[in-house]
């Protein structure tokens, strides 16, 4: 999940202008596909680690993570102290 979210932040930071249009205009199909991939990835991880008891459903967790990641274009500044590939 970490790598998936980091890749999304990197993509968002590198494509801020285009994604600003996409997110604000609501590219519904692409958003749903990415949500499905992220949810499936998390569900596979949870299935492989049955000792992990999530505090919420995978869908709610993915929605929460993507909501935060998708707003990166609004606050990220390429000249700022942080960069997309920073862990």
N, C-alpha and C. Protein backbone atom coordinates (compact mmCIF):
# COMPACT_ATOMS: atom_id res chain seq x y z
N UNK A 1 0.83 -1.18 0.00
CA UNK A 1 0.00 0.00 0.00
C UNK A 1 0.88 1.26 0.00
N UNK A 2 1.96 1.21 0.80
CA UNK A 2 2.87 2.37 0.87
C UNK A 2 3.41 2.71 -0.51
N UNK A 3 3.92 1.69 -1.22
CA UNK A 3 4.49 1.94 -2.55
C UNK A 3 3.44 2.47 -3.52
N UNK A 4 2.24 1.95 -3.43
CA UNK A 4 1.15 2.40 -4.30
C UNK A 4 0.83 3.88 -4.04
N UNK A 5 0.75 4.23 -2.77
CA UNK A 5 0.45 5.63 -2.44
C UNK A 5 1.60 6.56 -2.79
N UNK A 6 2.84 6.11 -2.56
CA UNK A 6 4.00 6.93 -2.93
C UNK A 6 4.01 7.16 -4.43
N UNK A 7 3.73 6.10 -5.21
CA UNK A 7 3.73 6.27 -6.67
C UNK A 7 2.64 7.26 -7.10
N UNK A 8 1.52 7.26 -6.39
CA UNK A 8 0.45 8.21 -6.71
C UNK A 8 0.86 9.65 -6.38
N UNK A 9 1.55 9.83 -5.25
CA UNK A 9 2.03 11.17 -4.90
C UNK A 9 3.05 11.64 -5.94
N UNK A 10 3.98 10.77 -6.33
CA UNK A 10 4.99 11.13 -7.34
C UNK A 10 4.30 11.53 -8.63
N UNK A 11 3.36 10.71 -9.09
CA UNK A 11 2.63 11.01 -10.32
C UNK A 11 1.89 12.35 -10.21
N UNK A 12 1.25 12.56 -9.07
CA UNK A 12 0.50 13.80 -8.86
C UNK A 12 1.43 15.01 -8.87
N UNK A 13 2.57 14.90 -8.20
CA UNK A 13 3.51 16.02 -8.14
C UNK A 13 4.11 16.32 -9.51
N UNK A 14 4.35 15.29 -10.29
CA UNK A 14 4.96 15.47 -11.61
C UNK A 14 3.96 15.92 -12.67
N UNK A 15 2.67 15.81 -12.38
CA UNK A 15 1.63 16.14 -13.36
C UNK A 15 0.58 17.07 -12.75
N UNK A 16 1.02 18.01 -11.95
CA UNK A 16 0.11 18.88 -11.19
C UNK A 16 -0.91 19.59 -12.06
N UNK A 17 -0.46 20.24 -13.12
CA UNK A 17 -1.38 21.04 -13.93
C UNK A 17 -2.46 20.17 -14.58
N UNK A 18 -2.05 19.07 -15.18
CA UNK A 18 -3.01 18.17 -15.81
C UNK A 18 -3.96 17.58 -14.77
N UNK A 19 -3.43 17.13 -13.64
CA UNK A 19 -4.27 16.51 -12.63
C UNK A 19 -5.19 17.50 -11.95
N UNK A 20 -4.79 18.75 -11.89
CA UNK A 20 -5.68 19.77 -11.33
C UNK A 20 -6.97 19.79 -12.15
N UNK A 21 -6.82 19.77 -13.45
CA UNK A 21 -8.00 19.75 -14.34
C UNK A 21 -8.78 18.45 -14.15
N UNK A 22 -8.07 17.32 -14.14
CA UNK A 22 -8.73 16.02 -14.00
C UNK A 22 -9.50 15.91 -12.69
N UNK A 23 -8.86 16.28 -11.58
CA UNK A 23 -9.51 16.14 -10.28
C UNK A 23 -10.66 17.12 -10.13
N UNK A 24 -10.47 18.33 -10.58
CA UNK A 24 -11.53 19.31 -10.40
C UNK A 24 -12.69 19.10 -11.37
N UNK A 25 -12.43 18.46 -12.50
CA UNK A 25 -13.50 18.17 -13.46
C UNK A 25 -14.10 16.79 -13.22
N UNK A 26 -13.45 15.98 -12.44
CA UNK A 26 -14.01 14.68 -12.07
C UNK A 26 -13.86 13.60 -13.12
N UNK A 27 -12.67 13.15 -13.35
CA UNK A 27 -12.42 12.06 -14.28
C UNK A 27 -12.85 10.75 -13.61
N UNK A 28 -14.15 10.55 -13.57
CA UNK A 28 -14.79 9.49 -12.80
C UNK A 28 -14.27 8.09 -13.16
N UNK A 29 -14.13 7.79 -14.42
CA UNK A 29 -13.73 6.45 -14.83
C UNK A 29 -12.33 6.10 -14.33
N UNK A 30 -11.39 6.98 -14.53
CA UNK A 30 -10.02 6.72 -14.10
C UNK A 30 -9.93 6.65 -12.58
N UNK A 31 -10.66 7.51 -11.91
CA UNK A 31 -10.66 7.51 -10.45
C UNK A 31 -11.17 6.18 -9.91
N UNK A 32 -12.26 5.70 -10.47
CA UNK A 32 -12.82 4.43 -10.00
C UNK A 32 -11.89 3.26 -10.27
N UNK A 33 -11.24 3.26 -11.42
CA UNK A 33 -10.29 2.19 -11.73
C UNK A 33 -9.14 2.19 -10.73
N UNK A 34 -8.58 3.35 -10.44
CA UNK A 34 -7.48 3.42 -9.47
C UNK A 34 -7.96 3.00 -8.09
N UNK A 35 -9.15 3.42 -7.69
CA UNK A 35 -9.71 2.99 -6.40
C UNK A 35 -9.85 1.48 -6.34
N UNK A 36 -10.31 0.88 -7.43
CA UNK A 36 -10.45 -0.58 -7.47
C UNK A 36 -9.10 -1.27 -7.33
N UNK A 37 -8.08 -0.75 -8.01
CA UNK A 37 -6.73 -1.34 -7.92
C UNK A 37 -6.20 -1.21 -6.49
N UNK A 38 -6.35 -0.03 -5.90
CA UNK A 38 -5.87 0.20 -4.53
C UNK A 38 -6.61 -0.68 -3.53
N UNK A 39 -7.93 -0.78 -3.67
CA UNK A 39 -8.72 -1.62 -2.76
C UNK A 39 -8.34 -3.08 -2.91
N UNK A 40 -8.17 -3.54 -4.12
CA UNK A 40 -7.77 -4.92 -4.37
C UNK A 40 -6.38 -5.20 -3.79
N UNK A 41 -5.46 -4.25 -3.93
CA UNK A 41 -4.12 -4.39 -3.37
C UNK A 41 -4.18 -4.52 -1.86
N UNK A 42 -4.97 -3.66 -1.22
CA UNK A 42 -5.11 -3.72 0.24
C UNK A 42 -5.77 -5.03 0.67
N UNK A 43 -6.80 -5.45 -0.02
CA UNK A 43 -7.48 -6.71 0.33
C UNK A 43 -6.54 -7.90 0.20
N UNK A 44 -5.69 -7.90 -0.82
CA UNK A 44 -4.70 -8.97 -0.98
C UNK A 44 -3.71 -8.96 0.17
N UNK A 45 -3.28 -7.77 0.55
CA UNK A 45 -2.35 -7.64 1.67
C UNK A 45 -2.99 -8.17 2.96
N UNK A 46 -4.23 -7.78 3.21
CA UNK A 46 -4.92 -8.24 4.42
C UNK A 46 -5.13 -9.75 4.40
N UNK A 47 -5.42 -10.31 3.24
CA UNK A 47 -5.61 -11.76 3.13
C UNK A 47 -4.30 -12.51 3.43
N UNK A 48 -3.18 -11.91 3.03
CA UNK A 48 -1.87 -12.52 3.28
C UNK A 48 -1.40 -12.33 4.72
N UNK A 49 -2.04 -11.43 5.44
CA UNK A 49 -1.67 -11.13 6.83
C UNK A 49 -2.93 -11.19 7.71
N UNK A 50 -3.46 -12.39 7.94
CA UNK A 50 -4.72 -12.50 8.68
C UNK A 50 -4.64 -12.02 10.13
N UNK A 51 -3.43 -11.86 10.65
CA UNK A 51 -3.28 -11.37 12.02
C UNK A 51 -3.59 -9.87 12.12
N UNK A 52 -3.61 -9.18 10.99
CA UNK A 52 -3.92 -7.74 10.98
C UNK A 52 -5.43 -7.56 11.02
N UNK A 53 -5.89 -6.82 12.01
CA UNK A 53 -7.32 -6.55 12.13
C UNK A 53 -7.56 -5.07 11.83
N UNK A 54 -8.02 -4.78 10.61
CA UNK A 54 -8.21 -3.37 10.24
C UNK A 54 -9.31 -2.71 11.07
N UNK A 55 -9.13 -1.43 11.33
CA UNK A 55 -10.10 -0.67 12.12
C UNK A 55 -11.28 -0.19 11.27
N UNK A 56 -11.16 -0.36 9.96
CA UNK A 56 -12.23 0.08 9.06
C UNK A 56 -12.20 -0.82 7.82
N UNK A 57 -13.19 -0.69 6.99
CA UNK A 57 -13.23 -1.50 5.77
C UNK A 57 -12.14 -1.05 4.80
N UNK A 58 -11.64 -1.96 3.96
CA UNK A 58 -10.64 -1.56 2.97
C UNK A 58 -11.10 -0.40 2.09
N UNK A 59 -12.37 -0.38 1.71
CA UNK A 59 -12.88 0.70 0.87
C UNK A 59 -12.79 2.05 1.57
N UNK A 60 -13.18 2.09 2.83
CA UNK A 60 -13.13 3.35 3.58
C UNK A 60 -11.67 3.80 3.74
N UNK A 61 -10.77 2.85 4.04
CA UNK A 61 -9.35 3.19 4.20
C UNK A 61 -8.78 3.74 2.90
N UNK A 62 -9.06 3.07 1.78
CA UNK A 62 -8.57 3.53 0.48
C UNK A 62 -9.14 4.90 0.14
N UNK A 63 -10.43 5.09 0.36
CA UNK A 63 -11.04 6.39 0.09
C UNK A 63 -10.36 7.49 0.91
N UNK A 64 -10.08 7.21 2.17
CA UNK A 64 -9.43 8.18 3.04
C UNK A 64 -8.02 8.50 2.54
N UNK A 65 -7.24 7.47 2.22
CA UNK A 65 -5.87 7.67 1.73
C UNK A 65 -5.86 8.44 0.41
N UNK A 66 -6.71 8.05 -0.51
CA UNK A 66 -6.73 8.71 -1.81
C UNK A 66 -7.24 10.15 -1.71
N UNK A 67 -8.14 10.40 -0.79
CA UNK A 67 -8.61 11.77 -0.61
C UNK A 67 -7.43 12.66 -0.21
N UNK A 68 -6.59 12.16 0.68
CA UNK A 68 -5.42 12.94 1.10
C UNK A 68 -4.41 13.06 -0.04
N UNK A 69 -4.12 11.98 -0.71
CA UNK A 69 -3.12 11.98 -1.79
C UNK A 69 -3.58 12.83 -2.97
N UNK A 70 -4.85 12.77 -3.30
CA UNK A 70 -5.34 13.50 -4.47
C UNK A 70 -5.29 15.01 -4.31
N UNK A 71 -5.17 15.50 -3.10
CA UNK A 71 -5.07 16.94 -2.87
C UNK A 71 -3.63 17.44 -2.90
N UNK A 72 -2.69 16.56 -3.15
CA UNK A 72 -1.27 16.94 -3.18
C UNK A 72 -1.03 18.07 -4.18
N UNK A 73 -1.72 18.05 -5.29
CA UNK A 73 -1.49 19.08 -6.31
C UNK A 73 -1.77 20.48 -5.78
N UNK A 74 -2.59 20.59 -4.74
CA UNK A 74 -2.94 21.91 -4.21
C UNK A 74 -1.86 22.50 -3.32
N UNK A 75 -1.11 21.65 -2.63
CA UNK A 75 -0.14 22.19 -1.69
C UNK A 75 1.31 21.94 -2.07
N UNK A 76 1.57 20.99 -2.96
CA UNK A 76 2.96 20.67 -3.33
C UNK A 76 3.57 21.81 -4.13
N UNK A 77 4.77 22.19 -3.78
CA UNK A 77 5.54 23.21 -4.50
C UNK A 77 6.89 22.62 -4.86
N UNK A 78 7.20 22.52 -6.16
CA UNK A 78 8.47 21.92 -6.58
C UNK A 78 9.69 22.63 -5.98
N UNK A 79 9.55 23.89 -5.63
CA UNK A 79 10.68 24.62 -5.06
C UNK A 79 10.70 24.56 -3.53
N UNK A 80 9.77 23.84 -2.94
CA UNK A 80 9.68 23.74 -1.48
C UNK A 80 10.69 22.77 -0.89
N UNK A 81 10.62 22.58 0.43
CA UNK A 81 11.61 21.75 1.13
C UNK A 81 11.40 20.23 0.95
N UNK A 82 10.29 19.82 0.38
CA UNK A 82 10.03 18.39 0.20
C UNK A 82 9.89 18.07 -1.28
N UNK A 83 10.12 16.81 -1.62
CA UNK A 83 9.97 16.38 -3.01
C UNK A 83 9.18 15.08 -3.03
N UNK A 84 8.68 14.74 -4.19
CA UNK A 84 7.76 13.61 -4.32
C UNK A 84 8.37 12.27 -3.92
N UNK A 85 9.64 12.06 -4.17
CA UNK A 85 10.27 10.76 -3.92
C UNK A 85 10.77 10.61 -2.49
N UNK A 86 10.55 11.58 -1.64
CA UNK A 86 11.01 11.53 -0.25
C UNK A 86 10.19 10.53 0.52
N UNK A 87 10.84 9.67 1.29
CA UNK A 87 10.13 8.69 2.13
C UNK A 87 10.07 9.17 3.56
